[in-house]
Amino acid sequence: MPRYADTRGRIVQAASKLFYAEGIGRVSVDAVAEKAGVTKRTLYYHFESKDELVAAYLDARDQPNLKQMASWFAGAEGGAGEKVAAIFAGLARSARHPKWKGCGFLRTTAELAALPGHPAVKIGARHKSAFASWLAGELELAGFESPQALARRILLLLDGAFSASLVHRDASWFEDAGQAAHALVSGHPRKPGGLPDRG
């Protein structure tokens, strides 16, 4: 069993590096097998199709990405506005890395725009919904009214920054979006008796 898991994990890791760097359309199953150090037959033993492999690639990115953003949020000093802005600041730092290629979930969904039922598209939607749900929970704890609506607006800023920073190859779009998110949070109403946001 461990050997099976190791081989499958190696294939997913290889696929992740190639798909993220080059896009799913430009990467063949043969290329993934070669990078993983397995035969094509072995790859197809673990994954019935390239579609299944693409879905596994995004699924593997889901929790690590969510945990990273939650870590930036939790580690920031100040109120909710500063904590939300810290997510954008963290992404700005990531976007300045030479190997950064944008949001893998958005890029993959764009490549599969004609296939809305594709399992990878569903995983991408699940990831974005999970982020919004997590953030809404944090905002609710902070005493904001309509936390789900506020979280969705912040997600819109986040995904807009992903797109703009990739198009312009300029990480400062994340910083600008972070300032907008901070202002959005600071101006959002709180429940009666709630404390004003610090900062």
C-alpha atoms as a PDB file:
ATOM      1  CA  MET A   1       0.000   0.000   0.000  1.00  0.00           C
ATOM      2  CA  PRO A   2       2.729   2.554   0.838  1.00  0.00           C
ATOM      3  CA  ARG A   3       4.429   1.853  -2.504  1.00  0.00           C
ATOM      4  CA  TYR A   4       1.124   2.421  -4.324  1.00  0.00           C
ATOM      5  CA  ALA A   5       0.621   5.713  -2.471  1.00  0.00           C
ATOM      6  CA  ASP A   6       4.218   6.777  -3.119  1.00  0.00           C
ATOM      7  CA  THR A   7       3.889   6.142  -6.855  1.00  0.00           C
ATOM      8  CA  ARG A   8       0.564   7.932  -7.080  1.00  0.00           C
ATOM      9  CA  GLY A   9       1.931  10.842  -5.064  1.00  0.00           C
ATOM     10  CA  ARG A  10       4.992  11.067  -7.307  1.00  0.00           C
ATOM     11  CA  ILE A  11       2.774  11.217 -10.387  1.00  0.00           C
ATOM     12  CA  VAL A  12       0.585  13.950  -8.866  1.00  0.00           C
ATOM     13  CA  GLN A  13       3.664  15.928  -7.845  1.00  0.00           C
ATOM     14  CA  ALA A  14       5.097  15.707 -11.350  1.00  0.00           C
ATOM     15  CA  ALA A  15       1.748  16.660 -12.885  1.00  0.00           C
ATOM     16  CA  SER A  16       1.427  19.597 -10.501  1.00  0.00           C
ATOM     17  CA  LYS A  17       4.782  21.048 -11.484  1.00  0.00           C
ATOM     18  CA  LEU A  18       4.138  20.655 -15.204  1.00  0.00           C
ATOM     19  CA  PHE A  19       0.484  21.700 -15.259  1.00  0.00           C
ATOM     20  CA  TYR A  20       1.120  24.787 -13.141  1.00  0.00           C
ATOM     21  CA  ALA A  21       4.169  25.856 -15.130  1.00  0.00           C
ATOM     22  CA  GLU A  22       2.850  25.195 -18.647  1.00  0.00           C
ATOM     23  CA  GLY A  23      -0.940  24.774 -18.446  1.00  0.00           C
ATOM     24  CA  ILE A  24      -2.889  21.554 -18.734  1.00  0.00           C
ATOM     25  CA  GLY A  25      -3.367  21.768 -22.499  1.00  0.00           C
ATOM     26  CA  ARG A  26       0.333  21.932 -23.284  1.00  0.00           C
ATOM     27  CA  VAL A  27       1.378  19.017 -21.067  1.00  0.00           C
ATOM     28  CA  SER A  28       0.975  15.460 -22.324  1.00  0.00           C
ATOM     29  CA  VAL A  29       0.494  12.347 -20.246  1.00  0.00           C
ATOM     30  CA  ASP A  30       3.816  11.134 -21.641  1.00  0.00           C
ATOM     31  CA  ALA A  31       5.559  14.215 -20.235  1.00  0.00           C
ATOM     32  CA  VAL A  32       4.043  13.639 -16.801  1.00  0.00           C
ATOM     33  CA  ALA A  33       5.069   9.975 -16.825  1.00  0.00           C
ATOM     34  CA  GLU A  34       8.602  10.896 -17.824  1.00  0.00           C
ATOM     35  CA  LYS A  35       8.938  13.525 -15.096  1.00  0.00           C
ATOM     36  CA  ALA A  36       7.498  11.131 -12.500  1.00  0.00           C
ATOM     37  CA  GLY A  37       9.899   8.395 -13.576  1.00  0.00           C
ATOM     38  CA  VAL A  38       7.159   5.895 -14.379  1.00  0.00           C
ATOM     39  CA  THR A  39       5.870   4.233 -17.526  1.00  0.00           C
ATOM     40  CA  LYS A  40       2.742   5.492 -19.234  1.00  0.00           C
ATOM     41  CA  ARG A  41       1.117   2.179 -18.375  1.00  0.00           C
ATOM     42  CA  THR A  42       1.862   2.739 -14.681  1.00  0.00           C
ATOM     43  CA  LEU A  43       0.392   6.221 -14.852  1.00  0.00           C
ATOM     44  CA  TYR A  44      -2.808   4.877 -16.366  1.00  0.00           C
ATOM     45  CA  TYR A  45      -2.925   2.207 -13.659  1.00  0.00           C
ATOM     46  CA  HIS A  46      -3.281   5.013 -11.100  1.00  0.00           C
ATOM     47  CA  PHE A  47      -5.323   7.431 -13.232  1.00  0.00           C
ATOM     48  CA  GLU A  48      -7.858   6.316 -15.808  1.00  0.00           C
ATOM     49  CA  SER A  49      -7.516   9.487 -17.859  1.00  0.00           C
ATOM     50  CA  LYS A  50      -5.743  12.816 -18.122  1.00  0.00           C
ATOM     51  CA  ASP A  51      -8.950  14.441 -16.866  1.00  0.00           C
ATOM     52  CA  GLU A  52      -8.672  12.450 -13.647  1.00  0.00           C
ATOM     53  CA  LEU A  53      -5.022  13.478 -13.317  1.00  0.00           C
ATOM     54  CA  VAL A  54      -5.894  17.162 -13.803  1.00  0.00           C
ATOM     55  CA  ALA A  55      -8.531  16.860 -11.066  1.00  0.00           C
ATOM     56  CA  ALA A  56      -5.969  15.247  -8.747  1.00  0.00           C
ATOM     57  CA  TYR A  57      -3.553  18.106  -9.471  1.00  0.00           C
ATOM     58  CA  LEU A  58      -6.045  20.716  -8.284  1.00  0.00           C
ATOM     59  CA  ASP A  59      -7.228  18.602  -5.378  1.00  0.00           C
ATOM     60  CA  ALA A  60      -3.639  18.402  -4.133  1.00  0.00           C
ATOM     61  CA  ARG A  61      -3.373  22.211  -4.174  1.00  0.00           C
ATOM     62  CA  ASP A  62      -6.638  22.779  -2.298  1.00  0.00           C
ATOM     63  CA  GLN A  63      -5.781  22.367   1.391  1.00  0.00           C
ATOM     64  CA  PRO A  64      -2.186  23.697   1.226  1.00  0.00           C
ATOM     65  CA  ASN A  65      -3.411  26.898  -0.438  1.00  0.00           C
ATOM     66  CA  LEU A  66      -6.245  27.384   2.049  1.00  0.00           C
ATOM     67  CA  LYS A  67      -3.922  26.737   4.992  1.00  0.00           C
ATOM     68  CA  GLN A  68      -1.396  29.233   3.669  1.00  0.00           C
ATOM     69  CA  MET A  69      -3.982  31.994   3.400  1.00  0.00           C
ATOM     70  CA  ALA A  70      -5.375  31.152   6.828  1.00  0.00           C
ATOM     71  CA  SER A  71      -1.835  31.359   8.204  1.00  0.00           C
ATOM     72  CA  TRP A  72      -1.296  34.830   6.739  1.00  0.00           C
ATOM     73  CA  PHE A  73      -4.624  35.927   8.221  1.00  0.00           C
ATOM     74  CA  ALA A  74      -3.921  34.501  11.671  1.00  0.00           C
ATOM     75  CA  GLY A  75      -0.354  35.800  11.809  1.00  0.00           C
ATOM     76  CA  ALA A  76      -1.204  39.432  11.069  1.00  0.00           C
ATOM     77  CA  GLU A  77      -1.463  41.959  13.859  1.00  0.00           C
ATOM     78  CA  GLY A  78      -4.418  44.325  14.119  1.00  0.00           C
ATOM     79  CA  GLY A  79      -8.077  43.935  13.364  1.00  0.00           C
ATOM     80  CA  ALA A  80      -9.945  42.104  10.645  1.00  0.00           C
ATOM     81  CA  GLY A  81      -9.022  44.725   8.044  1.00  0.00           C
ATOM     82  CA  GLU A  82      -5.313  44.194   8.627  1.00  0.00           C
ATOM     83  CA  LYS A  83      -5.711  40.422   8.696  1.00  0.00           C
ATOM     84  CA  VAL A  84      -7.571  40.376   5.378  1.00  0.00           C
ATOM     85  CA  ALA A  85      -4.996  42.733   3.833  1.00  0.00           C
ATOM     86  CA  ALA A  86      -2.259  40.347   5.009  1.00  0.00           C
ATOM     87  CA  ILE A  87      -3.611  37.666   2.659  1.00  0.00           C
ATOM     88  CA  PHE A  88      -3.153  40.027  -0.282  1.00  0.00           C
ATOM     89  CA  ALA A  89       0.323  41.013   0.953  1.00  0.00           C
ATOM     90  CA  GLY A  90       1.301  37.349   1.146  1.00  0.00           C
ATOM     91  CA  LEU A  91       0.087  36.733  -2.377  1.00  0.00           C
ATOM     92  CA  ALA A  92       1.988  39.800  -3.585  1.00  0.00           C
ATOM     93  CA  ARG A  93       5.179  38.249  -2.198  1.00  0.00           C
ATOM     94  CA  SER A  94       4.377  34.954  -3.922  1.00  0.00           C
ATOM     95  CA  ALA A  95       3.639  36.728  -7.199  1.00  0.00           C
ATOM     96  CA  ARG A  96       7.120  38.216  -7.221  1.00  0.00           C
ATOM     97  CA  HIS A  97       8.687  34.747  -7.417  1.00  0.00           C
ATOM     98  CA  PRO A  98       9.966  34.061 -10.954  1.00  0.00           C
ATOM     99  CA  LYS A  99       8.065  30.750 -11.137  1.00  0.00           C
ATOM    100  CA  TRP A 100       4.722  32.241 -10.122  1.00  0.00           C
ATOM    101  CA  LYS A 101       2.058  31.664 -12.787  1.00  0.00           C
ATOM    102  CA  GLY A 102      -1.113  32.898 -11.139  1.00  0.00           C
ATOM    103  CA  CYS A 103      -3.939  30.947  -9.547  1.00  0.00           C
ATOM    104  CA  GLY A 104      -3.880  27.337 -10.699  1.00  0.00           C
ATOM    105  CA  PHE A 105      -7.611  27.002 -10.036  1.00  0.00           C
ATOM    106  CA  LEU A 106      -8.562  30.000 -12.187  1.00  0.00           C
ATOM    107  CA  ARG A 107      -6.147  29.096 -14.983  1.00  0.00           C
ATOM    108  CA  THR A 108      -7.355  25.505 -15.157  1.00  0.00           C
ATOM    109  CA  THR A 109     -11.007  26.572 -15.090  1.00  0.00           C
ATOM    110  CA  ALA A 110     -10.322  29.011 -17.938  1.00  0.00           C
ATOM    111  CA  GLU A 111      -8.735  26.236 -20.005  1.00  0.00           C
ATOM    112  CA  LEU A 112     -11.795  24.060 -19.348  1.00  0.00           C
ATOM    113  CA  ALA A 113     -14.374  26.805 -19.932  1.00  0.00           C
ATOM    114  CA  ALA A 114     -16.168  24.681 -22.541  1.00  0.00           C
ATOM    115  CA  LEU A 115     -16.454  21.765 -20.092  1.00  0.00           C
ATOM    116  CA  PRO A 116     -18.368  23.061 -17.048  1.00  0.00           C
ATOM    117  CA  GLY A 117     -18.977  19.535 -15.803  1.00  0.00           C
ATOM    118  CA  HIS A 118     -15.285  18.627 -15.731  1.00  0.00           C
ATOM    119  CA  PRO A 119     -14.228  17.306 -12.300  1.00  0.00           C
ATOM    120  CA  ALA A 120     -11.371  19.818 -12.127  1.00  0.00           C
ATOM    121  CA  VAL A 121     -13.806  22.711 -12.645  1.00  0.00           C
ATOM    122  CA  LYS A 122     -15.894  21.398  -9.762  1.00  0.00           C
ATOM    123  CA  ILE A 123     -12.803  21.188  -7.566  1.00  0.00           C
ATOM    124  CA  GLY A 124     -11.908  24.772  -8.472  1.00  0.00           C
ATOM    125  CA  ALA A 125     -15.402  25.951  -7.515  1.00  0.00           C
ATOM    126  CA  ARG A 126     -15.208  23.981  -4.284  1.00  0.00           C
ATOM    127  CA  HIS A 127     -11.870  25.588  -3.428  1.00  0.00           C
ATOM    128  CA  LYS A 128     -13.163  29.120  -3.953  1.00  0.00           C
ATOM    129  CA  SER A 129     -16.329  28.361  -1.974  1.00  0.00           C
ATOM    130  CA  ALA A 130     -14.259  26.871   0.842  1.00  0.00           C
ATOM    131  CA  PHE A 131     -12.148  30.029   1.036  1.00  0.00           C
ATOM    132  CA  ALA A 132     -15.263  32.227   1.154  1.00  0.00           C
ATOM    133  CA  SER A 133     -16.858  30.006   3.815  1.00  0.00           C
ATOM    134  CA  TRP A 134     -13.736  30.026   5.965  1.00  0.00           C
ATOM    135  CA  LEU A 135     -13.378  33.805   5.678  1.00  0.00           C
ATOM    136  CA  ALA A 136     -17.080  34.328   6.425  1.00  0.00           C
ATOM    137  CA  GLY A 137     -16.603  32.315   9.604  1.00  0.00           C
ATOM    138  CA  GLU A 138     -13.703  34.514  10.678  1.00  0.00           C
ATOM    139  CA  LEU A 139     -15.660  37.672   9.897  1.00  0.00           C
ATOM    140  CA  GLU A 140     -18.661  36.380  11.820  1.00  0.00           C
ATOM    141  CA  LEU A 141     -16.442  35.764  14.848  1.00  0.00           C
ATOM    142  CA  ALA A 142     -15.200  39.335  14.486  1.00  0.00           C
ATOM    143  CA  GLY A 143     -18.797  40.553  14.786  1.00  0.00           C
ATOM    144  CA  PHE A 144     -19.593  41.668  11.242  1.00  0.00           C
ATOM    145  CA  GLU A 145     -23.095  41.719   9.820  1.00  0.00           C
ATOM    146  CA  SER A 146     -23.692  39.662   6.660  1.00  0.00           C
ATOM    147  CA  PRO A 147     -20.265  37.987   6.824  1.00  0.00           C
ATOM    148  CA  GLN A 148     -20.995  35.762   3.817  1.00  0.00           C
ATOM    149  CA  ALA A 149     -21.652  38.780   1.583  1.00  0.00           C
ATOM    150  CA  LEU A 150     -18.487  40.509   2.827  1.00  0.00           C
ATOM    151  CA  ALA A 151     -16.407  37.367   2.228  1.00  0.00           C
ATOM    152  CA  ARG A 152     -17.726  37.087  -1.334  1.00  0.00           C
ATOM    153  CA  ARG A 153     -16.755  40.684  -2.061  1.00  0.00           C
ATOM    154  CA  ILE A 154     -13.270  40.066  -0.739  1.00  0.00           C
ATOM    155  CA  LEU A 155     -13.018  36.945  -2.912  1.00  0.00           C
ATOM    156  CA  LEU A 156     -13.973  39.076  -5.921  1.00  0.00           C
ATOM    157  CA  LEU A 157     -11.081  41.423  -5.120  1.00  0.00           C
ATOM    158  CA  LEU A 158      -8.768  38.452  -4.651  1.00  0.00           C
ATOM    159  CA  ASP A 159      -9.616  36.793  -7.947  1.00  0.00           C
ATOM    160  CA  GLY A 160      -9.481  40.144  -9.730  1.00  0.00           C
ATOM    161  CA  ALA A 161      -5.989  40.684  -8.346  1.00  0.00           C
ATOM    162  CA  PHE A 162      -4.955  37.205  -9.506  1.00  0.00           C
ATOM    163  CA  SER A 163      -6.083  38.014 -13.023  1.00  0.00           C
ATOM    164  CA  ALA A 164      -4.682  41.549 -13.216  1.00  0.00           C
ATOM    165  CA  SER A 165      -1.316  40.618 -11.729  1.00  0.00           C
ATOM    166  CA  LEU A 166      -0.945  37.789 -14.232  1.00  0.00           C
ATOM    167  CA  VAL A 167      -1.984  39.892 -17.224  1.00  0.00           C
ATOM    168  CA  HIS A 168       0.283  42.784 -16.287  1.00  0.00           C
ATOM    169  CA  ARG A 169       3.041  40.713 -14.635  1.00  0.00           C
ATOM    170  CA  ASP A 170       2.867  43.148 -11.745  1.00  0.00           C
ATOM    171  CA  ALA A 171       2.411  41.975  -8.151  1.00  0.00           C
ATOM    172  CA  SER A 172       1.385  45.440  -6.979  1.00  0.00           C
ATOM    173  CA  TRP A 173      -2.164  44.656  -8.099  1.00  0.00           C
ATOM    174  CA  PHE A 174      -2.410  42.445  -5.007  1.00  0.00           C
ATOM    175  CA  GLU A 175      -1.304  45.329  -2.819  1.00  0.00           C
ATOM    176  CA  ASP A 176      -3.860  47.688  -4.381  1.00  0.00           C
ATOM    177  CA  ALA A 177      -6.578  45.061  -3.963  1.00  0.00           C
ATOM    178  CA  GLY A 178      -5.463  44.548  -0.364  1.00  0.00           C
ATOM    179  CA  GLN A 179      -5.989  48.241   0.351  1.00  0.00           C
ATOM    180  CA  ALA A 180      -9.447  48.022  -1.217  1.00  0.00           C
ATOM    181  CA  ALA A 181     -10.249  44.955   0.892  1.00  0.00           C
ATOM    182  CA  HIS A 182      -9.074  46.737   4.037  1.00  0.00           C
ATOM    183  CA  ALA A 183     -11.356  49.684   3.253  1.00  0.00           C
ATOM    184  CA  LEU A 184     -14.232  47.316   2.514  1.00  0.00           C
ATOM    185  CA  VAL A 185     -13.842  45.548   5.853  1.00  0.00           C
ATOM    186  CA  SER A 186     -13.352  48.781   7.801  1.00  0.00           C
ATOM    187  CA  GLY A 187     -16.537  50.279   6.389  1.00  0.00           C
ATOM    188  CA  HIS A 188     -18.698  47.175   6.764  1.00  0.00           C
ATOM    189  CA  PRO A 189     -21.375  47.325   9.501  1.00  0.00           C
ATOM    190  CA  ARG A 190     -21.016  45.261  12.616  1.00  0.00           C
ATOM    191  CA  LYS A 191     -23.639  43.572  14.735  1.00  0.00           C
ATOM    192  CA  PRO A 192     -25.100  45.682  17.551  1.00  0.00           C
ATOM    193  CA  GLY A 193     -22.587  45.843  20.389  1.00  0.00           C
ATOM    194  CA  GLY A 194     -19.698  44.792  18.177  1.00  0.00           C
ATOM    195  CA  LEU A 195     -16.367  46.517  18.582  1.00  0.00           C
ATOM    196  CA  PRO A 196     -15.028  48.698  15.734  1.00  0.00           C
ATOM    197  CA  ASP A 197     -12.207  47.240  13.678  1.00  0.00           C
ATOM    198  CA  ARG A 198      -8.781  48.159  15.022  1.00  0.00           C
ATOM    199  CA  GLY A 199      -6.755  50.060  12.450  1.00  0.00           C
END
